[in-house]
Amino acid sequence: MSRRRAAPPPPDVEAGPDRHFVTALARGLQVLGCFRQGEPLLGNQEIAARTGLPKSTVSRLTHTLTELGYLHYAPELGRYRLGMAVLSLGSAMLGGLDIRRVARPLLERLAVETHSVVALGTRDRMRMVYLELARGDAAIAVNLEAGSRISLLNSAMGRAWLAACAPEARGAVLRQWAGPQAERAAAVAERALAEQREYGCCCSFGDWQPDVNAIALGFDPGGGLPPMVVNCGAPSFLVSPEYLLQEARPRLAALVRRLERSMDLAGAVPAA
């Protein structure tokens, strides 16, 4: 069995010229970010490989996070899993996203109409995270759920986020890649902006996965929330690029407009 190659550590974990940046805090959060769906248990050695941090540093961080409840140590396995404190943070964050409640019926309707997976998502560091998801009857082959994370550069959702965010925010994200990856990231952003101008959405036809096609459209939800994206996609044997651009795209655009109006109304209603 081939060993999975460790992902390179995020480039933004050192203070650099920013004197307000707390490196120790960033490293602790980097440890928490190592845990992925389908991999609930990690040891210090695996965490060190994924973060690029010395194992001694990782040991101190995992001990501290365990004491605070953000990690739980399984002594019989010698590994850690995320603790209940992380669940509390996630529940508080998701509970504050009224947009999920507003979006859910709209996503479900479009998923049924287009036989696709339709999702609401936003950026989480260098990836996109699904906040809400609806699945059409014929799209069961796409194994994604709320909380799933996908590539920012290869996915329609990630490209739509790059096209939707403010230029300074887009530049800040692009600067986090280095070397050849920086050139590729800049090219992807240019392509995203070009597709947004030409099609009114961004596309990924076999880029994220060879057998999956998708389109996506980003928007500003207001209320202090970051830019968000609605994605519509399915296996290529179910939806062709032509179908997505000709049939699904107008419906996707209408959904996003309705979602924006709903959030504007929600923001205009004073709290009781």
Protein backbone atom coordinates (compact mmCIF):
# COMPACT_ATOMS: atom_id res chain seq x y z
CA MET A 1 0.00 0.00 0.00
CA SER A 2 1.47 3.36 -0.99
CA ARG A 3 1.81 5.95 1.75
CA ARG A 4 -0.16 9.14 1.23
CA ARG A 5 2.12 12.08 0.56
CA ALA A 6 1.97 14.65 3.32
CA ALA A 7 0.47 17.96 2.31
CA PRO A 8 2.91 20.89 2.43
CA PRO A 9 2.45 23.10 5.48
CA PRO A 10 0.42 26.29 4.98
CA PRO A 11 2.73 29.20 4.25
CA ASP A 12 1.11 31.63 6.68
CA VAL A 13 2.12 30.12 10.02
CA GLU A 14 5.07 32.43 10.70
CA ALA A 15 4.79 36.02 11.80
CA GLY A 16 7.02 37.53 9.13
CA PRO A 17 6.77 41.34 9.21
CA ASP A 18 3.41 41.30 11.05
CA ARG A 19 4.21 42.04 14.70
CA HIS A 20 0.59 41.36 15.70
CA PHE A 21 0.72 37.79 14.39
CA VAL A 22 0.85 35.18 17.20
CA THR A 23 2.88 32.29 15.80
CA ALA A 24 2.18 29.91 18.71
CA LEU A 25 -1.57 30.35 18.25
CA ALA A 26 -1.25 29.85 14.50
CA ARG A 27 0.66 26.62 15.05
CA GLY A 28 -1.98 25.30 17.43
CA LEU A 29 -4.70 26.03 14.89
CA GLN A 30 -2.54 24.41 12.22
CA VAL A 31 -2.53 21.21 14.28
CA LEU A 32 -6.32 21.25 14.51
CA GLY A 33 -6.50 21.81 10.77
CA CYS A 34 -4.68 18.52 10.11
CA PHE A 35 -7.77 16.45 10.92
CA ARG A 36 -9.82 15.59 7.85
CA GLN A 37 -13.05 13.86 7.11
CA GLY A 38 -12.52 10.10 7.09
CA GLU A 39 -9.32 10.37 9.16
CA PRO A 40 -10.49 10.91 12.75
CA LEU A 41 -7.29 9.72 14.45
CA LEU A 42 -3.77 11.13 14.05
CA GLY A 43 -0.52 10.64 15.95
CA ASN A 44 2.15 13.23 16.65
CA GLN A 45 4.34 11.90 13.86
CA GLU A 46 1.56 12.25 11.28
CA ILE A 47 0.73 15.74 12.52
CA ALA A 48 4.40 16.74 12.34
CA ALA A 49 4.57 15.48 8.75
CA ARG A 50 1.47 17.41 7.74
CA THR A 51 2.42 20.66 9.43
CA GLY A 52 6.17 20.62 8.85
CA LEU A 53 6.67 21.38 12.55
CA PRO A 54 9.26 19.59 14.74
CA LYS A 55 7.81 16.60 16.56
CA SER A 56 8.79 18.11 19.93
CA THR A 57 6.77 21.22 19.10
CA VAL A 58 3.83 19.10 17.98
CA SER A 59 3.97 17.10 21.22
CA ARG A 60 3.68 20.29 23.28
CA LEU A 61 0.86 21.60 21.12
CA THR A 62 -1.17 18.39 21.22
CA HIS A 63 -0.70 18.19 25.00
CA THR A 64 -1.94 21.75 25.43
CA LEU A 65 -4.89 21.25 23.08
CA THR A 66 -5.82 18.07 24.92
CA GLU A 67 -5.75 19.86 28.28
CA LEU A 68 -8.09 22.51 26.83
CA GLY A 69 -10.49 19.96 25.35
CA TYR A 70 -9.76 20.70 21.69
CA LEU A 71 -8.15 17.27 21.28
CA HIS A 72 -8.93 13.93 22.91
CA TYR A 73 -6.11 11.41 23.40
CA ALA A 74 -6.80 7.70 22.90
CA PRO A 75 -4.00 6.04 24.92
CA GLU A 76 -4.72 2.55 23.61
CA LEU A 77 -4.03 3.82 20.09
CA GLY A 78 -1.47 6.49 20.86
CA ARG A 79 -3.39 8.94 18.71
CA TYR A 80 -5.57 12.02 18.97
CA ARG A 81 -9.03 12.89 17.73
CA LEU A 82 -10.79 16.26 17.75
CA GLY A 83 -12.34 17.05 21.13
CA MET A 84 -15.71 18.37 22.18
CA ALA A 85 -14.46 21.96 22.42
CA VAL A 86 -14.04 21.96 18.64
CA LEU A 87 -17.62 20.74 18.26
CA SER A 88 -18.83 23.58 20.46
CA LEU A 89 -17.02 26.13 18.31
CA GLY A 90 -18.37 24.59 15.12
CA SER A 91 -21.92 24.48 16.47
CA ALA A 92 -21.73 28.11 17.53
CA MET A 93 -20.43 29.15 14.11
CA LEU A 94 -22.99 27.16 12.13
CA GLY A 95 -25.80 28.24 14.42
CA GLY A 96 -25.00 31.85 13.55
CA LEU A 97 -25.28 31.25 9.81
CA ASP A 98 -28.91 32.03 9.08
CA ILE A 99 -28.00 31.81 5.41
CA ARG A 100 -27.94 28.00 5.68
CA ARG A 101 -31.59 27.96 6.77
CA VAL A 102 -32.54 30.36 3.97
CA ALA A 103 -30.52 28.49 1.36
CA ARG A 104 -31.57 24.93 2.16
CA PRO A 105 -34.94 24.82 0.31
CA LEU A 106 -33.46 26.69 -2.65
CA LEU A 107 -30.57 24.25 -2.91
CA GLU A 108 -32.93 21.28 -2.67
CA ARG A 109 -35.13 22.58 -5.47
CA LEU A 110 -32.24 23.22 -7.84
CA ALA A 111 -30.70 19.82 -7.04
CA VAL A 112 -33.91 18.07 -8.02
CA GLU A 113 -34.39 20.19 -11.16
CA THR A 114 -30.85 19.61 -12.42
CA HIS A 115 -30.22 16.07 -11.06
CA SER A 116 -27.07 17.49 -9.45
CA VAL A 117 -25.39 18.13 -6.15
CA VAL A 118 -25.98 21.77 -5.21
CA ALA A 119 -23.97 23.23 -2.35
CA LEU A 120 -23.36 26.45 -0.47
CA GLY A 121 -19.74 26.99 0.53
CA THR A 122 -16.99 29.41 1.41
CA ARG A 123 -13.21 29.47 1.80
CA ASP A 124 -11.44 27.76 4.68
CA ARG A 125 -7.74 28.65 4.41
CA MET A 126 -6.54 27.14 1.12
CA ARG A 127 -9.61 25.02 0.48
CA MET A 128 -13.36 25.41 0.10
CA VAL A 129 -15.75 24.01 2.71
CA TYR A 130 -19.36 22.94 2.09
CA LEU A 131 -21.72 24.64 4.56
CA GLU A 132 -24.96 23.16 3.20
CA LEU A 133 -25.65 20.58 0.52
CA ALA A 134 -28.59 19.12 -1.38
CA ARG A 135 -28.46 16.07 -3.58
CA GLY A 136 -30.61 15.36 -6.62
CA ASP A 137 -31.94 11.83 -7.06
CA ALA A 138 -29.45 10.99 -9.80
CA ALA A 139 -26.33 12.49 -8.18
CA ILE A 140 -25.67 9.84 -5.55
CA ALA A 141 -22.28 9.04 -7.07
CA VAL A 142 -20.72 12.26 -5.71
CA ASN A 143 -19.52 11.47 -2.19
CA LEU A 144 -19.75 14.90 -0.54
CA GLU A 145 -21.47 16.14 2.60
CA ALA A 146 -21.74 19.37 4.58
CA GLY A 147 -18.30 19.90 6.07
CA SER A 148 -16.48 18.38 3.08
CA ARG A 149 -13.46 20.34 1.85
CA ILE A 150 -12.38 20.57 -1.76
CA SER A 151 -9.60 22.22 -3.74
CA LEU A 152 -9.74 25.99 -4.07
CA LEU A 153 -7.83 26.06 -7.36
CA ASN A 154 -9.28 23.01 -9.12
CA SER A 155 -12.96 23.36 -8.20
CA ALA A 156 -15.63 25.57 -9.74
CA MET A 157 -16.54 26.61 -6.19
CA GLY A 158 -13.02 27.78 -5.42
CA ARG A 159 -12.67 29.63 -8.70
CA ALA A 160 -16.04 31.34 -8.16
CA TRP A 161 -14.83 32.46 -4.72
CA LEU A 162 -11.73 34.01 -6.29
CA ALA A 163 -13.89 35.81 -8.84
CA ALA A 164 -16.36 37.07 -6.22
CA CYS A 165 -14.03 38.39 -3.53
CA ALA A 166 -12.54 41.88 -3.41
CA PRO A 167 -9.24 42.36 -5.28
CA GLU A 168 -7.28 42.91 -2.06
CA ALA A 169 -8.70 39.72 -0.50
CA ARG A 170 -7.96 37.75 -3.66
CA GLY A 171 -4.40 39.09 -3.71
CA ALA A 172 -3.87 38.16 -0.06
CA VAL A 173 -4.94 34.58 -0.75
CA LEU A 174 -2.84 34.26 -3.91
CA ARG A 175 0.27 35.46 -2.05
CA GLN A 176 0.03 32.39 0.19
CA TRP A 177 1.25 30.18 -2.66
CA ALA A 178 4.94 30.13 -3.50
CA GLY A 179 7.14 29.06 -6.41
CA PRO A 180 5.46 27.36 -9.39
CA GLN A 181 2.23 27.09 -7.39
CA ALA A 182 2.09 30.89 -7.19
CA GLU A 183 2.15 31.14 -11.00
CA ARG A 184 -0.55 28.52 -11.29
CA ALA A 185 -2.72 30.20 -8.66
CA ALA A 186 -2.45 33.54 -10.47
CA ALA A 187 -3.39 31.87 -13.77
CA VAL A 188 -6.41 30.19 -12.14
CA ALA A 189 -7.57 33.54 -10.75
CA GLU A 190 -7.28 35.16 -14.18
CA ARG A 191 -9.23 32.30 -15.70
CA ALA A 192 -11.90 32.62 -13.00
CA LEU A 193 -12.35 36.32 -13.71
CA ALA A 194 -12.49 35.67 -17.45
CA GLU A 195 -15.13 32.95 -17.05
CA GLN A 196 -17.18 35.19 -14.77
CA ARG A 197 -17.16 37.90 -17.42
CA GLU A 198 -17.96 35.49 -20.27
CA TYR A 199 -20.42 33.08 -18.68
CA GLY A 200 -21.58 34.79 -15.50
CA CYS A 201 -20.21 31.84 -13.51
CA CYS A 202 -17.05 29.75 -13.11
CA CYS A 203 -16.52 26.23 -14.41
CA SER A 204 -14.68 23.03 -13.62
CA PHE A 205 -15.15 20.41 -16.30
CA GLY A 206 -13.04 17.45 -15.21
CA ASP A 207 -10.53 19.63 -13.34
CA TRP A 208 -11.45 18.76 -9.74
CA GLN A 209 -12.11 15.12 -10.58
CA PRO A 210 -11.85 13.75 -14.14
CA ASP A 211 -15.43 12.49 -14.15
CA VAL A 212 -17.17 15.46 -12.49
CA ASN A 213 -18.49 18.64 -14.11
CA ALA A 214 -19.60 21.71 -12.16
CA ILE A 215 -20.39 25.40 -12.39
CA ALA A 216 -20.48 27.88 -9.51
CA LEU A 217 -21.40 31.46 -8.77
CA GLY A 218 -20.11 33.58 -5.90
CA PHE A 219 -21.87 36.41 -4.07
CA ASP A 220 -21.61 38.72 -1.08
CA PRO A 221 -24.12 37.61 1.60
CA GLY A 222 -23.66 40.79 3.66
CA GLY A 223 -24.01 40.90 7.40
CA GLY A 224 -20.26 40.74 7.92
CA LEU A 225 -20.06 37.26 6.35
CA PRO A 226 -17.28 36.36 3.89
CA PRO A 227 -17.99 35.83 0.19
CA MET A 228 -19.92 32.63 -0.44
CA VAL A 229 -20.52 30.41 -3.43
CA VAL A 230 -23.30 28.18 -4.74
CA ASN A 231 -22.04 25.20 -6.71
CA CYS A 232 -24.00 22.91 -9.06
CA GLY A 233 -22.34 19.74 -10.31
CA ALA A 234 -22.59 16.02 -10.90
CA PRO A 235 -20.78 13.13 -12.60
CA SER A 236 -20.06 13.89 -16.25
CA PHE A 237 -22.25 11.02 -17.46
CA LEU A 238 -25.20 12.87 -15.91
CA VAL A 239 -24.44 16.49 -16.76
CA SER A 240 -22.42 17.72 -19.70
CA PRO A 241 -20.72 21.14 -19.84
CA GLU A 242 -23.34 22.19 -22.39
CA TYR A 243 -26.20 21.19 -20.08
CA LEU A 244 -24.69 23.04 -17.14
CA LEU A 245 -24.06 26.23 -19.11
CA GLN A 246 -27.29 26.25 -21.07
CA GLU A 247 -29.83 24.75 -18.67
CA ALA A 248 -28.46 24.88 -15.14
CA ARG A 249 -26.68 28.25 -15.29
CA PRO A 250 -29.81 30.46 -15.52
CA ARG A 251 -31.37 28.57 -12.62
CA LEU A 252 -28.19 28.88 -10.58
CA ALA A 253 -28.07 32.63 -11.22
CA ALA A 254 -31.73 32.99 -10.21
CA LEU A 255 -31.07 31.05 -7.00
CA VAL A 256 -28.16 33.31 -6.07
CA ARG A 257 -30.20 36.48 -6.77
CA ARG A 258 -33.01 35.18 -4.58
CA LEU A 259 -30.57 34.26 -1.84
CA GLU A 260 -29.03 37.74 -1.95
CA ARG A 261 -32.47 39.37 -1.73
CA SER A 262 -33.43 37.13 1.19
CA MET A 263 -30.27 38.06 3.07
CA ASP A 264 -30.83 41.77 2.35
CA LEU A 265 -34.34 41.49 3.80
CA ALA A 266 -33.08 39.57 6.81
CA GLY A 267 -30.50 42.25 7.47
CA ALA A 268 -33.10 44.99 7.17
CA VAL A 269 -35.36 43.48 9.84
CA PRO A 270 -34.42 44.78 13.30
CA ALA A 271 -33.85 42.23 16.02
CA ALA A 272 -36.75 41.70 18.41
